[in-house]
C-alpha atoms as a PDB file:
ATOM      1  CA  MET A   1      58.176  67.195 -60.489  1.00  0.00           C
ATOM      2  CA  PRO A   2      56.449  68.728 -63.553  1.00  0.00           C
ATOM      3  CA  TRP A   3      53.523  66.426 -65.209  1.00  0.00           C
ATOM      4  CA  ILE A   4      54.686  67.782 -68.571  1.00  0.00           C
ATOM      5  CA  THR A   5      58.242  68.361 -69.217  1.00  0.00           C
ATOM      6  CA  GLU A   6      58.302  69.535 -72.838  1.00  0.00           C
ATOM      7  CA  SER A   7      56.215  71.898 -72.868  1.00  0.00           C
ATOM      8  CA  GLY A   8      57.974  74.407 -75.131  1.00  0.00           C
ATOM      9  CA  SER A   9      57.225  72.608 -78.212  1.00  0.00           C
ATOM     10  CA  LEU A  10      53.096  72.185 -77.611  1.00  0.00           C
ATOM     11  CA  ASP A  11      50.661  74.680 -78.589  1.00  0.00           C
ATOM     12  CA  ARG A  12      48.311  76.009 -75.302  1.00  0.00           C
ATOM     13  CA  ALA A  13      45.311  74.460 -76.494  1.00  0.00           C
ATOM     14  CA  THR A  14      47.658  70.492 -76.247  1.00  0.00           C
ATOM     15  CA  LEU A  15      49.311  71.967 -73.250  1.00  0.00           C
ATOM     16  CA  ARG A  16      46.603  72.753 -71.261  1.00  0.00           C
ATOM     17  CA  GLN A  17      44.277  69.423 -72.174  1.00  0.00           C
ATOM     18  CA  GLN A  18      47.451  67.294 -71.174  1.00  0.00           C
ATOM     19  CA  LEU A  19      48.139  69.205 -68.139  1.00  0.00           C
ATOM     20  CA  LEU A  20      44.141  68.752 -67.224  1.00  0.00           C
ATOM     21  CA  GLU A  21      44.347  65.244 -67.784  1.00  0.00           C
ATOM     22  CA  ALA A  22      47.574  64.815 -65.908  1.00  0.00           C
ATOM     23  CA  ARG A  23      46.120  66.769 -62.633  1.00  0.00           C
ATOM     24  CA  GLU A  24      42.927  64.729 -62.980  1.00  0.00           C
ATOM     25  CA  ARG A  25      44.939  61.420 -62.336  1.00  0.00           C
ATOM     26  CA  PHE A  26      47.169  63.030 -59.667  1.00  0.00           C
ATOM     27  CA  VAL A  27      43.809  64.612 -57.649  1.00  0.00           C
ATOM     28  CA  ALA A  28      42.426  60.917 -57.883  1.00  0.00           C
ATOM     29  CA  SER A  29      45.739  59.099 -57.318  1.00  0.00           C
ATOM     30  CA  PRO A  30      46.877  58.289 -53.550  1.00  0.00           C
ATOM     31  CA  ALA A  31      49.156  61.530 -53.557  1.00  0.00           C
ATOM     32  CA  GLY A  32      46.033  63.625 -54.492  1.00  0.00           C
ATOM     33  CA  PRO A  33      44.148  64.167 -50.722  1.00  0.00           C
ATOM     34  CA  ALA A  34      47.795  64.649 -48.980  1.00  0.00           C
ATOM     35  CA  ALA A  35      48.533  66.910 -51.763  1.00  0.00           C
ATOM     36  CA  HIS A  36      44.959  69.264 -51.457  1.00  0.00           C
ATOM     37  CA  GLN A  37      45.390  69.232 -47.489  1.00  0.00           C
ATOM     38  CA  ALA A  38      49.046  70.744 -47.804  1.00  0.00           C
ATOM     39  CA  LEU A  39      47.679  73.490 -50.522  1.00  0.00           C
ATOM     40  CA  GLY A  40      44.919  74.078 -48.260  1.00  0.00           C
ATOM     41  CA  TRP A  41      47.309  74.909 -45.152  1.00  0.00           C
ATOM     42  CA  ARG A  42      50.282  76.695 -47.086  1.00  0.00           C
ATOM     43  CA  LEU A  43      47.203  78.589 -48.468  1.00  0.00           C
ATOM     44  CA  ARG A  44      45.588  79.580 -45.182  1.00  0.00           C
ATOM     45  CA  GLU A  45      49.115  80.502 -43.862  1.00  0.00           C
ATOM     46  CA  LEU A  46      49.510  82.891 -46.603  1.00  0.00           C
ATOM     47  CA  LEU A  47      46.015  84.345 -46.183  1.00  0.00           C
ATOM     48  CA  ALA A  48      46.887  85.018 -42.391  1.00  0.00           C
ATOM     49  CA  ALA A  49      49.922  87.066 -43.400  1.00  0.00           C
ATOM     50  CA  LEU A  50      47.917  89.101 -46.369  1.00  0.00           C
ATOM     51  CA  GLU A  51      44.563  89.938 -44.107  1.00  0.00           C
ATOM     52  CA  PRO A  52      42.319  90.495 -46.895  1.00  0.00           C
ATOM     53  CA  GLN A  53      39.582  92.619 -46.394  1.00  0.00           C
ATOM     54  CA  VAL A  54      37.591  90.795 -49.420  1.00  0.00           C
ATOM     55  CA  LEU A  55      38.822  87.715 -50.464  1.00  0.00           C
ATOM     56  CA  GLY A  56      38.318  86.566 -54.050  1.00  0.00           C
ATOM     57  CA  LEU A  57      37.500  83.176 -54.126  1.00  0.00           C
ATOM     58  CA  TYR A  58      36.696  80.703 -57.318  1.00  0.00           C
ATOM     59  CA  TRP A  59      34.182  77.534 -56.943  1.00  0.00           C
ATOM     60  CA  PRO A  60      36.109  74.689 -58.303  1.00  0.00           C
ATOM     61  CA  VAL A  61      35.895  73.087 -61.578  1.00  0.00           C
ATOM     62  CA  ARG A  62      38.036  69.935 -63.039  1.00  0.00           C
ATOM     63  CA  SER A  63      39.996  68.723 -60.506  1.00  0.00           C
ATOM     64  CA  GLU A  64      41.147  72.266 -58.832  1.00  0.00           C
ATOM     65  CA  PHE A  65      42.025  72.910 -55.394  1.00  0.00           C
ATOM     66  CA  ASN A  66      38.702  72.997 -53.390  1.00  0.00           C
ATOM     67  CA  ALA A  67      39.263  76.295 -51.079  1.00  0.00           C
ATOM     68  CA  PRO A  68      35.510  76.212 -50.056  1.00  0.00           C
ATOM     69  CA  ALA A  69      35.561  72.176 -49.115  1.00  0.00           C
ATOM     70  CA  ALA A  70      39.373  72.647 -47.628  1.00  0.00           C
ATOM     71  CA  TRP A  71      38.134  75.453 -44.989  1.00  0.00           C
ATOM     72  CA  GLY A  72      34.416  74.743 -44.464  1.00  0.00           C
ATOM     73  CA  ASP A  73      33.074  76.692 -41.316  1.00  0.00           C
ATOM     74  CA  ASP A  74      36.336  78.301 -40.990  1.00  0.00           C
ATOM     75  CA  MET A  75      36.160  80.245 -44.632  1.00  0.00           C
ATOM     76  CA  PRO A  76      34.549  83.380 -42.980  1.00  0.00           C
ATOM     77  CA  ALA A  77      37.777  83.578 -40.659  1.00  0.00           C
ATOM     78  CA  LEU A  78      39.531  83.990 -43.636  1.00  0.00           C
ATOM     79  CA  ALA A  79      38.582  87.555 -44.426  1.00  0.00           C
ATOM     80  CA  PRO A  80      35.782  90.103 -43.213  1.00  0.00           C
ATOM     81  CA  GLY A  81      34.337  89.822 -46.778  1.00  0.00           C
ATOM     82  CA  LEU A  82      34.069  87.027 -49.587  1.00  0.00           C
ATOM     83  CA  ALA A  83      33.090  87.318 -52.831  1.00  0.00           C
ATOM     84  CA  LEU A  84      32.869  84.726 -55.861  1.00  0.00           C
ATOM     85  CA  PRO A  85      33.178  85.624 -59.814  1.00  0.00           C
ATOM     86  CA  PHE A  86      30.594  85.978 -62.241  1.00  0.00           C
ATOM     87  CA  ALA A  87      31.550  85.437 -65.575  1.00  0.00           C
ATOM     88  CA  ARG A  88      29.498  86.704 -68.829  1.00  0.00           C
ATOM     89  CA  ARG A  89      29.910  85.354 -72.233  1.00  0.00           C
ATOM     90  CA  SER A  90      28.844  88.604 -74.275  1.00  0.00           C
ATOM     91  CA  PRO A  91      30.842  90.503 -73.717  1.00  0.00           C
ATOM     92  CA  PRO A  92      33.181  88.174 -72.186  1.00  0.00           C
ATOM     93  CA  THR A  93      33.947  89.928 -68.682  1.00  0.00           C
ATOM     94  CA  MET A  94      34.115  89.165 -65.101  1.00  0.00           C
ATOM     95  CA  VAL A  95      33.011  90.883 -61.898  1.00  0.00           C
ATOM     96  CA  TYR A  96      33.309  89.855 -58.297  1.00  0.00           C
ATOM     97  CA  ARG A  97      30.135  89.199 -56.149  1.00  0.00           C
ATOM     98  CA  ARG A  98      29.875  89.291 -52.462  1.00  0.00           C
ATOM     99  CA  TRP A  99      29.458  85.860 -51.218  1.00  0.00           C
ATOM    100  CA  ASP A 100      27.766  84.942 -47.907  1.00  0.00           C
ATOM    101  CA  GLY A 101      29.601  81.404 -47.799  1.00  0.00           C
ATOM    102  CA  ARG A 102      26.802  79.123 -48.491  1.00  0.00           C
ATOM    103  CA  SER A 103      27.655  76.361 -50.247  1.00  0.00           C
ATOM    104  CA  PRO A 104      26.583  75.442 -52.786  1.00  0.00           C
ATOM    105  CA  PRO A 105      26.511  79.197 -53.954  1.00  0.00           C
ATOM    106  CA  ALA A 106      22.768  80.192 -55.104  1.00  0.00           C
ATOM    107  CA  LEU A 107      23.483  80.366 -58.969  1.00  0.00           C
ATOM    108  CA  ALA A 108      25.768  79.796 -61.754  1.00  0.00           C
ATOM    109  CA  ASP A 109      27.034  82.428 -64.237  1.00  0.00           C
ATOM    110  CA  ASP A 110      27.225  82.526 -67.920  1.00  0.00           C
ATOM    111  CA  CYS A 111      29.853  79.756 -68.070  1.00  0.00           C
ATOM    112  CA  GLY A 112      28.210  77.471 -65.913  1.00  0.00           C
ATOM    113  CA  ILE A 113      30.272  77.734 -62.776  1.00  0.00           C
ATOM    114  CA  PRO A 114      28.635  78.391 -59.436  1.00  0.00           C
ATOM    115  CA  SER A 115      28.123  82.041 -58.226  1.00  0.00           C
ATOM    116  CA  THR A 116      26.289  84.293 -56.225  1.00  0.00           C
ATOM    117  CA  ALA A 117      23.505  87.099 -56.703  1.00  0.00           C
ATOM    118  CA  GLY A 118      25.560  89.383 -54.103  1.00  0.00           C
ATOM    119  CA  ALA A 119      26.367  92.814 -54.154  1.00  0.00           C
ATOM    120  CA  GLU A 120      29.375  93.583 -56.871  1.00  0.00           C
ATOM    121  CA  VAL A 121      32.578  94.333 -54.788  1.00  0.00           C
ATOM    122  CA  VAL A 122      36.100  94.395 -56.045  1.00  0.00           C
ATOM    123  CA  PRO A 123      38.237  91.966 -53.745  1.00  0.00           C
ATOM    124  CA  ASP A 124      42.139  93.207 -52.480  1.00  0.00           C
ATOM    125  CA  VAL A 125      43.306  89.698 -52.510  1.00  0.00           C
ATOM    126  CA  VAL A 126      41.893  86.899 -55.304  1.00  0.00           C
ATOM    127  CA  LEU A 127      42.683  83.495 -55.756  1.00  0.00           C
ATOM    128  CA  VAL A 128      43.170  82.627 -59.553  1.00  0.00           C
ATOM    129  CA  PRO A 129      42.972  78.721 -60.533  1.00  0.00           C
ATOM    130  CA  CYS A 130      45.883  77.323 -62.821  1.00  0.00           C
ATOM    131  CA  VAL A 131      45.749  74.830 -65.009  1.00  0.00           C
ATOM    132  CA  GLY A 132      49.503  75.507 -65.569  1.00  0.00           C
ATOM    133  CA  TYR A 133      51.967  78.095 -63.878  1.00  0.00           C
ATOM    134  CA  SER A 134      55.465  79.008 -64.586  1.00  0.00           C
ATOM    135  CA  ARG A 135      57.908  80.071 -62.081  1.00  0.00           C
ATOM    136  CA  GLU A 136      58.020  83.828 -63.231  1.00  0.00           C
ATOM    137  CA  GLY A 137      53.978  84.098 -61.993  1.00  0.00           C
ATOM    138  CA  TYR A 138      52.352  83.541 -65.665  1.00  0.00           C
ATOM    139  CA  ARG A 139      49.593  81.103 -65.528  1.00  0.00           C
ATOM    140  CA  LEU A 140      47.622  78.992 -68.304  1.00  0.00           C
ATOM    141  CA  GLY A 141      44.081  79.146 -67.866  1.00  0.00           C
ATOM    142  CA  TYR A 142      41.135  77.605 -69.600  1.00  0.00           C
ATOM    143  CA  GLY A 143      41.530  80.161 -72.307  1.00  0.00           C
ATOM    144  CA  GLY A 144      38.960  82.388 -72.156  1.00  0.00           C
ATOM    145  CA  GLY A 145      40.926  85.003 -70.742  1.00  0.00           C
ATOM    146  CA  TYR A 146      38.537  86.274 -67.781  1.00  0.00           C
ATOM    147  CA  PHE A 147      40.889  86.410 -65.038  1.00  0.00           C
ATOM    148  CA  ASP A 148      43.410  88.559 -67.152  1.00  0.00           C
ATOM    149  CA  ARG A 149      41.171  90.808 -68.545  1.00  0.00           C
ATOM    150  CA  TRP A 150      40.000  91.480 -64.811  1.00  0.00           C
ATOM    151  CA  LEU A 151      43.685  91.578 -63.216  1.00  0.00           C
ATOM    152  CA  ALA A 152      44.619  94.128 -66.103  1.00  0.00           C
ATOM    153  CA  ALA A 153      41.586  96.203 -64.960  1.00  0.00           C
ATOM    154  CA  HIS A 154      42.606  95.947 -61.228  1.00  0.00           C
ATOM    155  CA  PRO A 155      46.060  96.504 -61.027  1.00  0.00           C
ATOM    156  CA  GLY A 156      46.503  97.142 -57.179  1.00  0.00           C
ATOM    157  CA  VAL A 157      44.882  93.598 -56.480  1.00  0.00           C
ATOM    158  CA  THR A 158      46.885  90.586 -54.601  1.00  0.00           C
ATOM    159  CA  ALA A 159      46.584  87.837 -57.264  1.00  0.00           C
ATOM    160  CA  VAL A 160      47.271  84.466 -55.743  1.00  0.00           C
ATOM    161  CA  GLY A 161      47.757  81.896 -58.345  1.00  0.00           C
ATOM    162  CA  VAL A 162      46.441  78.443 -56.664  1.00  0.00           C
ATOM    163  CA  THR A 163      47.509  75.202 -58.082  1.00  0.00           C
ATOM    164  CA  PHE A 164      49.580  71.683 -57.668  1.00  0.00           C
ATOM    165  CA  ALA A 165      53.180  71.756 -58.073  1.00  0.00           C
ATOM    166  CA  GLY A 166      52.943  69.447 -60.913  1.00  0.00           C
ATOM    167  CA  SER A 167      51.408  71.746 -63.459  1.00  0.00           C
ATOM    168  CA  GLU A 168      54.918  73.795 -62.992  1.00  0.00           C
ATOM    169  CA  ILE A 169      55.508  74.382 -67.108  1.00  0.00           C
ATOM    170  CA  ALA A 170      57.788  76.469 -69.307  1.00  0.00           C
ATOM    171  CA  LEU A 171      55.347  79.322 -70.848  1.00  0.00           C
ATOM    172  CA  ALA A 172      56.291  82.057 -72.600  1.00  0.00           C
ATOM    173  CA  PRO A 173      54.002  84.708 -72.138  1.00  0.00           C
ATOM    174  CA  GLN A 174      52.097  86.257 -74.723  1.00  0.00           C
ATOM    175  CA  ALA A 175      50.798  89.940 -74.998  1.00  0.00           C
ATOM    176  CA  HIS A 176      47.474  89.490 -72.273  1.00  0.00           C
ATOM    177  CA  ASP A 177      49.006  87.574 -70.574  1.00  0.00           C
ATOM    178  CA  HIS A 178      48.863  89.098 -66.769  1.00  0.00           C
ATOM    179  CA  PRO A 179      51.378  88.123 -64.451  1.00  0.00           C
ATOM    180  CA  LEU A 180      50.491  86.563 -60.863  1.00  0.00           C
ATOM    181  CA  THR A 181      51.754  88.388 -57.214  1.00  0.00           C
ATOM    182  CA  ILE A 182      52.205  85.091 -55.904  1.00  0.00           C
ATOM    183  CA  VAL A 183      51.714  81.399 -56.695  1.00  0.00           C
ATOM    184  CA  VAL A 184      51.364  78.722 -54.245  1.00  0.00           C
ATOM    185  CA  THR A 185      51.187  74.960 -54.370  1.00  0.00           C
ATOM    186  CA  GLU A 186      51.651  72.299 -51.751  1.00  0.00           C
ATOM    187  CA  ASN A 187      55.446  72.286 -51.889  1.00  0.00           C
ATOM    188  CA  GLU A 188      55.704  76.272 -52.076  1.00  0.00           C
ATOM    189  CA  VAL A 189      54.769  79.851 -52.318  1.00  0.00           C
ATOM    190  CA  LEU A 190      56.640  81.744 -54.770  1.00  0.00           C
ATOM    191  CA  ALA A 191      56.640  85.709 -55.479  1.00  0.00           C
ATOM    192  CA  PRO A 192      58.142  85.733 -58.666  1.00  0.00           C
END
């Protein structure tokens, strides 16, 4: 069941704030750990089917699904190569850098998110955190546009939105929004 039901009348900033607050409550609730575990297993099954050569992960912030914690020492078995995004504020760009899987990563990017100093790579599969998502494969992120710009520049990449089922919303895409290839929640895998 979605956490927010009247999303059509809210501006994106208000909707984003409500979704983040609802996700934080959900993750801290008794249902949160089971949802995190179910999402981890569903995502692991999907990655086994996709067989990425280089998997672009993200370092979790603000109650996002935590893939590094969910998979721990098994993470290198998911793909021959792992990478983390590195964002720059000026100009606002993002690249992926090879990651050795060590936790926590060695440095932080310009947005303060843990990252790595490895060589730049282009993953063939990327996990994309979602604040909200639509059944049509559009996502609401934090508003910086980093993932949308990166995905627009790399159209052949399989973009896997990662989120909890309660963050489903009605979302009219804007011109800059880039659709995800797949959305994974603890309950289902959507291929819009």
